[in-house]
Amino acid sequence: MVKSPTNKMKSEFTGQLKMLIDKAVNGRSEDIDLIMQNLTIDATLAMTRYVDFALSLVDTTDGIRRIEYYLFNGTLIQRNYASLFLNRLGEWKPVKKAYEQGLIDEIQAYSR
């Protein structure tokens, strides 16, 4: 699992990325909701990268469970990022289940 950023690292970021990092480090369900709200069909490439980086910092049980929730209940882009997150953690069971339910495609199911 990825460690939370150090205080020095946190101070290097500003704006939207810092806000997303702070939410990810908090790792509460409502923080994950706020992060995931940025994944829309209108999201810029930069925002998707910010979200991906922020999600990589989530290490709380509540946060991980909430990301898993999005794997089954989010929009397509939210499901894809939830799958990517869980794959990186080695949490294959929920990803396989989502794939079998047709919620993510084969490429996403095996992406890291």
Protein backbone atom coordinates (compact mmCIF):
# COMPACT_ATOMS: atom_id res chain seq x y z
CA MET A 1 0.00 0.00 0.00
CA VAL A 2 1.22 3.52 -0.76
CA LYS A 3 2.27 5.57 2.23
CA SER A 4 0.72 8.95 2.92
CA PRO A 5 2.75 11.89 1.69
CA THR A 6 5.15 13.49 4.09
CA ASN A 7 4.46 16.98 5.41
CA LYS A 8 7.18 18.31 3.10
CA MET A 9 5.56 16.61 0.12
CA LYS A 10 2.12 17.95 1.06
CA SER A 11 3.43 21.50 1.14
CA GLU A 12 4.77 21.16 -2.42
CA PHE A 13 1.26 20.88 -3.87
CA THR A 14 -1.32 23.61 -4.23
CA GLY A 15 -4.80 24.19 -5.59
CA GLN A 16 -7.03 21.33 -6.66
CA LEU A 17 -4.32 18.71 -6.33
CA LYS A 18 -3.59 19.68 -2.72
CA MET A 19 -7.29 19.56 -1.89
CA LEU A 20 -7.57 16.07 -3.43
CA ILE A 21 -4.46 14.89 -1.59
CA ASP A 22 -5.80 16.19 1.72
CA LYS A 23 -9.11 14.38 1.15
CA ALA A 24 -7.31 11.16 0.18
CA VAL A 25 -5.13 11.27 3.28
CA ASN A 26 -8.23 11.81 5.46
CA GLY A 27 -9.73 8.79 3.71
CA ARG A 28 -13.29 9.14 5.02
CA SER A 29 -16.22 8.06 2.86
CA GLU A 30 -17.26 11.66 2.26
CA ASP A 31 -13.69 12.50 1.22
CA ILE A 32 -13.71 9.72 -1.36
CA ASP A 33 -17.08 10.96 -2.62
CA LEU A 34 -15.58 14.40 -3.17
CA ILE A 35 -12.61 12.94 -5.03
CA MET A 36 -14.81 10.74 -7.22
CA GLN A 37 -17.11 13.65 -8.09
CA ASN A 38 -14.23 14.98 -10.20
CA LEU A 39 -14.43 11.97 -12.51
CA THR A 40 -16.98 13.05 -15.10
CA ILE A 41 -17.16 12.84 -18.87
CA ASP A 42 -15.98 16.46 -18.88
CA ALA A 43 -12.92 15.81 -16.68
CA THR A 44 -9.67 17.10 -18.12
CA LEU A 45 -6.68 14.84 -18.52
CA ALA A 46 -4.98 16.79 -15.72
CA MET A 47 -7.92 16.20 -13.37
CA THR A 48 -7.96 12.46 -14.08
CA ARG A 49 -4.25 12.34 -13.23
CA TYR A 50 -4.85 14.33 -10.03
CA VAL A 51 -7.60 11.92 -9.02
CA ASP A 52 -5.48 8.87 -9.85
CA PHE A 53 -2.62 10.22 -7.74
CA ALA A 54 -4.90 11.17 -4.85
CA LEU A 55 -6.58 7.76 -4.85
CA SER A 56 -3.18 6.10 -4.66
CA LEU A 57 -2.77 7.75 -1.24
CA VAL A 58 -5.95 6.32 0.27
CA ASP A 59 -5.06 3.76 2.92
CA THR A 60 -7.92 3.85 5.41
CA THR A 61 -10.39 0.99 5.66
CA ASP A 62 -13.33 3.38 5.18
CA GLY A 63 -11.69 4.91 2.13
CA ILE A 64 -10.92 1.58 0.52
CA ARG A 65 -14.46 0.34 1.16
CA ARG A 66 -15.89 3.51 -0.36
CA ILE A 67 -13.74 3.09 -3.47
CA GLU A 68 -15.01 -0.49 -3.72
CA TYR A 69 -18.54 0.92 -3.49
CA TYR A 70 -17.81 2.99 -6.60
CA LEU A 71 -16.65 -0.13 -8.42
CA PHE A 72 -20.24 -1.38 -8.26
CA ASN A 73 -22.24 1.85 -8.08
CA GLY A 74 -20.30 4.60 -9.83
CA THR A 75 -20.37 5.93 -13.34
CA LEU A 76 -18.26 4.13 -15.93
CA ILE A 77 -15.23 6.37 -15.36
CA GLN A 78 -15.58 6.04 -11.57
CA ARG A 79 -15.82 2.25 -11.89
CA ASN A 80 -12.70 2.24 -14.05
CA TYR A 81 -10.66 4.23 -11.53
CA ALA A 82 -11.99 2.14 -8.65
CA SER A 83 -10.93 -0.99 -10.54
CA LEU A 84 -7.48 0.44 -11.18
CA PHE A 85 -7.09 1.30 -7.49
CA LEU A 86 -8.16 -2.15 -6.30
CA ASN A 87 -6.00 -3.90 -8.90
CA ARG A 88 -2.97 -2.00 -7.64
CA LEU A 89 -3.75 -3.20 -4.12
CA GLY A 90 -4.09 -6.79 -5.34
CA GLU A 91 -7.77 -6.89 -4.37
CA TRP A 92 -8.84 -9.17 -7.21
CA LYS A 93 -12.13 -10.59 -5.85
CA PRO A 94 -14.26 -7.44 -6.14
CA VAL A 95 -12.71 -6.58 -9.51
CA LYS A 96 -13.49 -10.06 -10.84
CA LYS A 97 -17.03 -9.79 -9.50
CA ALA A 98 -17.52 -6.40 -11.20
CA TYR A 99 -16.15 -7.83 -14.45
CA GLU A 100 -18.48 -10.83 -14.27
CA GLN A 101 -21.41 -8.44 -13.72
CA GLY A 102 -20.42 -6.48 -16.83
CA LEU A 103 -19.62 -3.32 -14.87
CA ILE A 104 -16.08 -3.06 -16.23
CA ASP A 105 -14.53 -4.47 -19.37
CA GLU A 106 -11.72 -7.00 -19.63
CA ILE A 107 -9.07 -4.34 -20.22
CA GLN A 108 -10.05 -2.48 -17.05
CA ALA A 109 -10.35 -5.69 -15.04
CA TYR A 110 -6.71 -6.51 -15.69
CA SER A 111 -5.20 -2.99 -15.71
CA ARG A 112 -2.73 -1.89 -13.10
